[in-house]
Amino acid sequence: DNVYMVHLQMNSLKPEDTAVYYCAAGATTTY
């Protein structure tokens, strides 16, 4: 929406998507 609000739209969910989801800041990597 802006730099302060991010959305993750999840479609076609699978059982293997089950998890605790976290957002994080301070990098642009995959680690």
PDB file of all heavy atoms in Angstrom:
ATOM      1  N   ASP A   1       0.840  -1.187   0.000  1.00  0.00           N
ATOM      2  CA  ASP A   1       0.000   0.000   0.000  1.00  0.00           C
ATOM      3  C   ASP A   1       0.880   1.243   0.000  1.00  0.00           C
ATOM      4  O   ASP A   1       0.568   2.245  -0.646  1.00  0.00           O
ATOM      5  CB  ASP A   1      -0.907   0.043   1.226  1.00  0.00           C
ATOM      6  CG  ASP A   1      -1.969  -1.024   1.212  1.00  0.00           C
ATOM      7  OD1 ASP A   1      -2.218  -1.618   0.148  1.00  0.00           O
ATOM      8  OD2 ASP A   1      -2.573  -1.261   2.273  1.00  0.00           O
ATOM      9  N   ASN A   2       1.966   1.158   0.736  1.00  0.00           N
ATOM     10  CA  ASN A   2       2.974   2.197   0.862  1.00  0.00           C
ATOM     11  C   ASN A   2       4.203   1.523   1.470  1.00  0.00           C
ATOM     12  O   ASN A   2       4.227   0.307   1.632  1.00  0.00           O
ATOM     13  CB  ASN A   2       2.464   3.364   1.720  1.00  0.00           C
ATOM     14  CG  ASN A   2       1.818   2.894   3.001  1.00  0.00           C
ATOM     15  OD1 ASN A   2       2.452   2.225   3.813  1.00  0.00           O
ATOM     16  ND2 ASN A   2       0.544   3.230   3.180  1.00  0.00           N
ATOM     17  N   VAL A   3       5.204   2.282   1.827  1.00  0.00           N
ATOM     18  CA  VAL A   3       6.417   1.673   2.364  1.00  0.00           C
ATOM     19  C   VAL A   3       6.206   1.073   3.744  1.00  0.00           C
ATOM     20  O   VAL A   3       7.067   0.320   4.222  1.00  0.00           O
ATOM     21  CB  VAL A   3       7.585   2.684   2.412  1.00  0.00           C
ATOM     22  CG1 VAL A   3       7.965   3.120   1.005  1.00  0.00           C
ATOM     23  CG2 VAL A   3       7.240   3.886   3.275  1.00  0.00           C
ATOM     24  N   TYR A   4       5.097   1.353   4.380  1.00  0.00           N
ATOM     25  CA  TYR A   4       4.838   0.890   5.736  1.00  0.00           C
ATOM     26  C   TYR A   4       3.877  -0.286   5.818  1.00  0.00           C
ATOM     27  O   TYR A   4       3.711  -0.860   6.901  1.00  0.00           O
ATOM     28  CB  TYR A   4       4.278   2.029   6.589  1.00  0.00           C
ATOM     29  CG  TYR A   4       5.187   3.225   6.657  1.00  0.00           C
ATOM     30  CD1 TYR A   4       4.906   4.374   5.917  1.00  0.00           C
ATOM     31  CD2 TYR A   4       6.326   3.208   7.448  1.00  0.00           C
ATOM     32  CE1 TYR A   4       5.744   5.470   5.976  1.00  0.00           C
ATOM     33  CE2 TYR A   4       7.166   4.299   7.508  1.00  0.00           C
ATOM     34  CZ  TYR A   4       6.876   5.429   6.771  1.00  0.00           C
ATOM     35  OH  TYR A   4       7.713   6.531   6.828  1.00  0.00           O
ATOM     36  N   MET A   5       3.232  -0.649   4.726  1.00  0.00           N
ATOM     37  CA  MET A   5       2.240  -1.706   4.754  1.00  0.00           C
ATOM     38  C   MET A   5       2.433  -2.635   3.561  1.00  0.00           C
ATOM     39  O   MET A   5       2.329  -2.210   2.414  1.00  0.00           O
ATOM     40  CB  MET A   5       0.828  -1.126   4.748  1.00  0.00           C
ATOM     41  CG  MET A   5      -0.280  -2.166   4.827  1.00  0.00           C
ATOM     42  SD  MET A   5      -0.267  -3.103   6.379  1.00  0.00           S
ATOM     43  CE  MET A   5      -0.797  -1.822   7.526  1.00  0.00           C
ATOM     44  N   VAL A   6       2.683  -3.907   3.849  1.00  0.00           N
ATOM     45  CA  VAL A   6       2.922  -4.928   2.837  1.00  0.00           C
ATOM     46  C   VAL A   6       1.900  -6.042   2.991  1.00  0.00           C
ATOM     47  O   VAL A   6       1.549  -6.427   4.110  1.00  0.00           O
ATOM     48  CB  VAL A   6       4.348  -5.492   2.956  1.00  0.00           C
ATOM     49  CG1 VAL A   6       4.543  -6.698   2.041  1.00  0.00           C
ATOM     50  CG2 VAL A   6       5.368  -4.414   2.618  1.00  0.00           C
ATOM     51  N   HIS A   7       1.440  -6.576   1.873  1.00  0.00           N
ATOM     52  CA  HIS A   7       0.483  -7.676   1.872  1.00  0.00           C
ATOM     53  C   HIS A   7       1.060  -8.862   1.118  1.00  0.00           C
ATOM     54  O   HIS A   7       1.714  -8.708   0.090  1.00  0.00           O
ATOM     55  CB  HIS A   7      -0.831  -7.258   1.223  1.00  0.00           C
ATOM     56  CG  HIS A   7      -1.462  -6.067   1.858  1.00  0.00           C
ATOM     57  ND1 HIS A   7      -2.122  -6.144   3.060  1.00  0.00           N
ATOM     58  CD2 HIS A   7      -1.513  -4.764   1.466  1.00  0.00           C
ATOM     59  CE1 HIS A   7      -2.569  -4.945   3.384  1.00  0.00           C
ATOM     60  NE2 HIS A   7      -2.215  -4.094   2.439  1.00  0.00           N
ATOM     61  N   LEU A   8       0.797 -10.042   1.638  1.00  0.00           N
ATOM     62  CA  LEU A   8       1.141 -11.292   0.973  1.00  0.00           C
ATOM     63  C   LEU A   8      -0.153 -12.013   0.647  1.00  0.00           C
ATOM     64  O   LEU A   8      -0.815 -12.544   1.542  1.00  0.00           O
ATOM     65  CB  LEU A   8       2.034 -12.155   1.865  1.00  0.00           C
ATOM     66  CG  LEU A   8       2.410 -13.533   1.313  1.00  0.00           C
ATOM     67  CD1 LEU A   8       3.255 -13.398   0.048  1.00  0.00           C
ATOM     68  CD2 LEU A   8       3.139 -14.355   2.365  1.00  0.00           C
ATOM     69  N   GLN A   9      -0.522 -12.009  -0.621  1.00  0.00           N
ATOM     70  CA  GLN A   9      -1.710 -12.706  -1.083  1.00  0.00           C
ATOM     71  C   GLN A   9      -1.331 -14.133  -1.431  1.00  0.00           C
ATOM     72  O   GLN A   9      -0.455 -14.356  -2.267  1.00  0.00           O
ATOM     73  CB  GLN A   9      -2.310 -11.998  -2.301  1.00  0.00           C
ATOM     74  CG  GLN A   9      -3.504 -12.718  -2.915  1.00  0.00           C
ATOM     75  CD  GLN A   9      -4.707 -12.721  -2.019  1.00  0.00           C
ATOM     76  OE1 GLN A   9      -5.097 -11.679  -1.504  1.00  0.00           O
ATOM     77  NE2 GLN A   9      -5.306 -13.882  -1.816  1.00  0.00           N
ATOM     78  N   MET A  10      -1.985 -15.093  -0.796  1.00  0.00           N
ATOM     79  CA  MET A  10      -1.690 -16.500  -0.989  1.00  0.00           C
ATOM     80  C   MET A  10      -2.905 -17.178  -1.602  1.00  0.00           C
ATOM     81  O   MET A  10      -3.992 -17.160  -1.020  1.00  0.00           O
ATOM     82  CB  MET A  10      -1.318 -17.159   0.339  1.00  0.00           C
ATOM     83  CG  MET A  10      -0.174 -16.462   1.063  1.00  0.00           C
ATOM     84  SD  MET A  10       0.364 -17.332   2.564  1.00  0.00           S
ATOM     85  CE  MET A  10      -1.113 -17.154   3.559  1.00  0.00           C
ATOM     86  N   ASN A  11      -2.714 -17.762  -2.763  1.00  0.00           N
ATOM     87  CA  ASN A  11      -3.776 -18.454  -3.479  1.00  0.00           C
ATOM     88  C   ASN A  11      -3.413 -19.924  -3.663  1.00  0.00           C
ATOM     89  O   ASN A  11      -2.252 -20.308  -3.564  1.00  0.00           O
ATOM     90  CB  ASN A  11      -4.011 -17.813  -4.846  1.00  0.00           C
ATOM     91  CG  ASN A  11      -4.419 -16.366  -4.761  1.00  0.00           C
ATOM     92  OD1 ASN A  11      -5.247 -15.991  -3.933  1.00  0.00           O
ATOM     93  ND2 ASN A  11      -3.848 -15.532  -5.622  1.00  0.00           N
ATOM     94  N   SER A  12      -4.412 -20.732  -3.960  1.00  0.00           N
ATOM     95  CA  SER A  12      -4.213 -22.155  -4.208  1.00  0.00           C
ATOM     96  C   SER A  12      -3.371 -22.796  -3.116  1.00  0.00           C
ATOM     97  O   SER A  12      -2.399 -23.516  -3.381  1.00  0.00           O
ATOM     98  CB  SER A  12      -3.565 -22.366  -5.583  1.00  0.00           C
ATOM     99  OG  SER A  12      -4.360 -21.825  -6.617  1.00  0.00           O
ATOM    100  N   LEU A  13      -3.745 -22.544  -1.891  1.00  0.00           N
ATOM    101  CA  LEU A  13      -2.960 -23.006  -0.757  1.00  0.00           C
ATOM    102  C   LEU A  13      -2.926 -24.526  -0.681  1.00  0.00           C
ATOM    103  O   LEU A  13      -3.907 -25.203  -0.989  1.00  0.00           O
ATOM    104  CB  LEU A  13      -3.506 -22.421   0.536  1.00  0.00           C
ATOM    105  CG  LEU A  13      -3.145 -20.950   0.761  1.00  0.00           C
ATOM    106  CD1 LEU A  13      -4.055 -20.327   1.806  1.00  0.00           C
ATOM    107  CD2 LEU A  13      -1.682 -20.832   1.179  1.00  0.00           C
ATOM    108  N   LYS A  14      -1.778 -25.029  -0.255  1.00  0.00           N
ATOM    109  CA  LYS A  14      -1.538 -26.451  -0.110  1.00  0.00           C
ATOM    110  C   LYS A  14      -1.215 -26.768   1.342  1.00  0.00           C
ATOM    111  O   LYS A  14      -0.723 -25.905   2.069  1.00  0.00           O
ATOM    112  CB  LYS A  14      -0.358 -26.880  -0.990  1.00  0.00           C
ATOM    113  CG  LYS A  14      -0.491 -26.519  -2.456  1.00  0.00           C
ATOM    114  CD  LYS A  14       0.795 -26.851  -3.203  1.00  0.00           C
ATOM    115  CE  LYS A  14       0.691 -26.479  -4.664  1.00  0.00           C
ATOM    116  NZ  LYS A  14       1.956 -26.773  -5.388  1.00  0.00           N
ATOM    117  N   PRO A  15      -1.453 -28.000   1.774  1.00  0.00           N
ATOM    118  CA  PRO A  15      -1.085 -28.354   3.150  1.00  0.00           C
ATOM    119  C   PRO A  15       0.374 -28.068   3.472  1.00  0.00           C
ATOM    120  O   PRO A  15       0.687 -27.713   4.614  1.00  0.00           O
ATOM    121  CB  PRO A  15      -1.402 -29.852   3.221  1.00  0.00           C
ATOM    122  CG  PRO A  15      -2.514 -30.029   2.239  1.00  0.00           C
ATOM    123  CD  PRO A  15      -2.193 -29.087   1.108  1.00  0.00           C
ATOM    124  N   GLU A  16       1.255 -28.207   2.504  1.00  0.00           N
ATOM    125  CA  GLU A  16       2.663 -27.940   2.748  1.00  0.00           C
ATOM    126  C   GLU A  16       2.981 -26.463   2.947  1.00  0.00           C
ATOM    127  O   GLU A  16       4.112 -26.112   3.288  1.00  0.00           O
ATOM    128  CB  GLU A  16       3.546 -28.514   1.624  1.00  0.00           C
ATOM    129  CG  GLU A  16       3.093 -28.124   0.231  1.00  0.00           C
ATOM    130  CD  GLU A  16       2.254 -29.201  -0.437  1.00  0.00           C
ATOM    131  OE1 GLU A  16       1.347 -29.746   0.232  1.00  0.00           O
ATOM    132  OE2 GLU A  16       2.505 -29.507  -1.615  1.00  0.00           O
ATOM    133  N   ASP A  17       2.001 -25.581   2.743  1.00  0.00           N
ATOM    134  CA  ASP A  17       2.166 -24.176   3.062  1.00  0.00           C
ATOM    135  C   ASP A  17       1.959 -23.892   4.545  1.00  0.00           C
ATOM    136  O   ASP A  17       2.184 -22.762   4.985  1.00  0.00           O
ATOM    137  CB  ASP A  17       1.194 -23.314   2.255  1.00  0.00           C
ATOM    138  CG  ASP A  17       1.461 -23.361   0.762  1.00  0.00           C
ATOM    139  OD1 ASP A  17       2.645 -23.335   0.363  1.00  0.00           O
ATOM    140  OD2 ASP A  17       0.480 -23.411  -0.012  1.00  0.00           O
ATOM    141  N   THR A  18       1.525 -24.876   5.291  1.00  0.00           N
ATOM    142  CA  THR A  18       1.298 -24.704   6.722  1.00  0.00           C
ATOM    143  C   THR A  18       2.600 -24.320   7.417  1.00  0.00           C
ATOM    144  O   THR A  18       3.608 -25.022   7.300  1.00  0.00           O
ATOM    145  CB  THR A  18       0.733 -25.986   7.336  1.00  0.00           C
ATOM    146  OG1 THR A  18      -0.565 -26.237   6.793  1.00  0.00           O
ATOM    147  CG2 THR A  18       0.624 -25.865   8.847  1.00  0.00           C
ATOM    148  N   ALA A  19       2.581 -23.207   8.127  1.00  0.00           N
ATOM    149  CA  ALA A  19       3.775 -22.706   8.795  1.00  0.00           C
ATOM    150  C   ALA A  19       3.418 -21.445   9.564  1.00  0.00           C
ATOM    151  O   ALA A  19       2.336 -20.879   9.397  1.00  0.00           O
ATOM    152  CB  ALA A  19       4.879 -22.389   7.778  1.00  0.00           C
ATOM    153  N   VAL A  20       4.349 -21.006  10.385  1.00  0.00           N
ATOM    154  CA  VAL A  20       4.297 -19.663  10.930  1.00  0.00           C
ATOM    155  C   VAL A  20       4.989 -18.747   9.932  1.00  0.00           C
ATOM    156  O   VAL A  20       6.124 -19.009   9.530  1.00  0.00           O
ATOM    157  CB  VAL A  20       4.972 -19.571  12.307  1.00  0.00           C
ATOM    158  CG1 VAL A  20       4.972 -18.132  12.815  1.00  0.00           C
ATOM    159  CG2 VAL A  20       4.264 -20.479  13.300  1.00  0.00           C
ATOM    160  N   TYR A  21       4.313 -17.697   9.536  1.00  0.00           N
ATOM    161  CA  TYR A  21       4.837 -16.759   8.557  1.00  0.00           C
ATOM    162  C   TYR A  21       5.330 -15.502   9.247  1.00  0.00           C
ATOM    163  O   TYR A  21       4.634 -14.936  10.091  1.00  0.00           O
ATOM    164  CB  TYR A  21       3.758 -16.406   7.525  1.00  0.00           C
ATOM    165  CG  TYR A  21       3.530 -17.499   6.514  1.00  0.00           C
ATOM    166  CD1 TYR A  21       2.899 -18.682   6.873  1.00  0.00           C
ATOM    167  CD2 TYR A  21       3.958 -17.359   5.193  1.00  0.00           C
ATOM    168  CE1 TYR A  21       2.705 -19.706   5.953  1.00  0.00           C
ATOM    169  CE2 TYR A  21       3.764 -18.368   4.270  1.00  0.00           C
ATOM    170  CZ  TYR A  21       3.138 -19.537   4.651  1.00  0.00           C
ATOM    171  OH  TYR A  21       2.949 -20.538   3.730  1.00  0.00           O
ATOM    172  N   TYR A  22       6.521 -15.078   8.866  1.00  0.00           N
ATOM    173  CA  TYR A  22       7.160 -13.912   9.449  1.00  0.00           C
ATOM    174  C   TYR A  22       7.476 -12.886   8.369  1.00  0.00           C
ATOM    175  O   TYR A  22       7.896 -13.249   7.269  1.00  0.00           O
ATOM    176  CB  TYR A  22       8.483 -14.286  10.119  1.00  0.00           C
ATOM    177  CG  TYR A  22       8.384 -15.286  11.236  1.00  0.00           C
ATOM    178  CD1 TYR A  22       8.442 -16.650  10.988  1.00  0.00           C
ATOM    179  CD2 TYR A  22       8.261 -14.856  12.552  1.00  0.00           C
ATOM    180  CE1 TYR A  22       8.369 -17.573  12.007  1.00  0.00           C
ATOM    181  CE2 TYR A  22       8.194 -15.776  13.587  1.00  0.00           C
ATOM    182  CZ  TYR A  22       8.244 -17.129  13.314  1.00  0.00           C
ATOM    183  OH  TYR A  22       8.182 -18.035  14.338  1.00  0.00           O
ATOM    184  N   CYS A  23       7.316 -11.628   8.691  1.00  0.00           N
ATOM    185  CA  CYS A  23       7.893 -10.598   7.850  1.00  0.00           C
ATOM    186  C   CYS A  23       9.156 -10.075   8.519  1.00  0.00           C
ATOM    187  O   CYS A  23       9.316 -10.149   9.741  1.00  0.00           O
ATOM    188  CB  CYS A  23       6.908  -9.471   7.533  1.00  0.00           C
ATOM    189  SG  CYS A  23       6.310  -8.498   8.930  1.00  0.00           S
ATOM    190  N   ALA A  24      10.065  -9.579   7.698  1.00  0.00           N
ATOM    191  CA  ALA A  24      11.369  -9.169   8.185  1.00  0.00           C
ATOM    192  C   ALA A  24      11.873  -7.993   7.368  1.00  0.00           C
ATOM    193  O   ALA A  24      11.488  -7.808   6.210  1.00  0.00           O
ATOM    194  CB  ALA A  24      12.364 -10.336   8.096  1.00  0.00           C
ATOM    195  N   ALA A  25      12.757  -7.226   7.974  1.00  0.00           N
ATOM    196  CA  ALA A  25      13.329  -6.057   7.318  1.00  0.00           C
ATOM    197  C   ALA A  25      14.822  -5.992   7.576  1.00  0.00           C
ATOM    198  O   ALA A  25      15.331  -6.570   8.541  1.00  0.00           O
ATOM    199  CB  ALA A  25      12.655  -4.775   7.819  1.00  0.00           C
ATOM    200  N   GLY A  26      15.522  -5.281   6.699  1.00  0.00           N
ATOM    201  CA  GLY A  26      16.940  -5.062   6.868  1.00  0.00           C
ATOM    202  C   GLY A  26      17.812  -5.659   5.791  1.00  0.00           C
ATOM    203  O   GLY A  26      19.033  -5.522   5.848  1.00  0.00           O
ATOM    204  N   ALA A  27      17.211  -6.329   4.805  1.00  0.00           N
ATOM    205  CA  ALA A  27      17.964  -6.938   3.726  1.00  0.00           C
ATOM    206  C   ALA A  27      17.051  -7.141   2.531  1.00  0.00           C
ATOM    207  O   ALA A  27      15.831  -6.958   2.615  1.00  0.00           O
ATOM    208  CB  ALA A  27      18.572  -8.269   4.164  1.00  0.00           C
ATOM    209  N   THR A  28      17.647  -7.539   1.411  1.00  0.00           N
ATOM    210  CA  THR A  28      16.900  -7.855   0.200  1.00  0.00           C
ATOM    211  C   THR A  28      17.256  -9.242  -0.309  1.00  0.00           C
ATOM    212  O   THR A  28      17.031  -9.548  -1.478  1.00  0.00           O
ATOM    213  CB  THR A  28      17.175  -6.815  -0.901  1.00  0.00           C
ATOM    214  OG1 THR A  28      18.577  -6.759  -1.173  1.00  0.00           O
ATOM    215  CG2 THR A  28      16.695  -5.435  -0.478  1.00  0.00           C
ATOM    216  N   THR A  29      17.778 -10.096   0.553  1.00  0.00           N
ATOM    217  CA  THR A  29      18.252 -11.416   0.171  1.00  0.00           C
ATOM    218  C   THR A  29      17.224 -12.485   0.515  1.00  0.00           C
ATOM    219  O   THR A  29      16.130 -12.204   0.994  1.00  0.00           O
ATOM    220  CB  THR A  29      19.575 -11.749   0.881  1.00  0.00           C
ATOM    221  OG1 THR A  29      19.324 -12.009   2.261  1.00  0.00           O
ATOM    222  CG2 THR A  29      20.558 -10.586   0.755  1.00  0.00           C
ATOM    223  N   THR A  30      17.617 -13.740   0.304  1.00  0.00           N
ATOM    224  CA  THR A  30      16.775 -14.882   0.631  1.00  0.00           C
ATOM    225  C   THR A  30      17.185 -15.562   1.928  1.00  0.00           C
ATOM    226  O   THR A  30      16.615 -16.595   2.279  1.00  0.00           O
ATOM    227  CB  THR A  30      16.816 -15.922  -0.499  1.00  0.00           C
ATOM    228  OG1 THR A  30      18.144 -16.462  -0.617  1.00  0.00           O
ATOM    229  CG2 THR A  30      16.420 -15.293  -1.834  1.00  0.00           C
ATOM    230  N   TYR A  31      18.137 -14.997   2.646  1.00  0.00           N
ATOM    231  CA  TYR A  31      18.694 -15.650   3.821  1.00  0.00           C
ATOM    232  C   TYR A  31      18.184 -15.005   5.103  1.00  0.00           C
ATOM    233  O   TYR A  31      18.371 -13.801   5.316  1.00  0.00           O
ATOM    234  CB  TYR A  31      20.215 -15.594   3.787  1.00  0.00           C
ATOM    235  CG  TYR A  31      20.789 -16.278   2.575  1.00  0.00           C
ATOM    236  CD1 TYR A  31      21.207 -15.546   1.474  1.00  0.00           C
ATOM    237  CD2 TYR A  31      20.890 -17.664   2.533  1.00  0.00           C
ATOM    238  CE1 TYR A  31      21.719 -16.182   0.353  1.00  0.00           C
ATOM    239  CE2 TYR A  31      21.401 -18.305   1.424  1.00  0.00           C
ATOM    240  CZ  TYR A  31      21.816 -17.561   0.335  1.00  0.00           C
ATOM    241  OH  TYR A  31      22.325 -18.198  -0.770  1.00  0.00           O
TER     242      TYR A  31
END
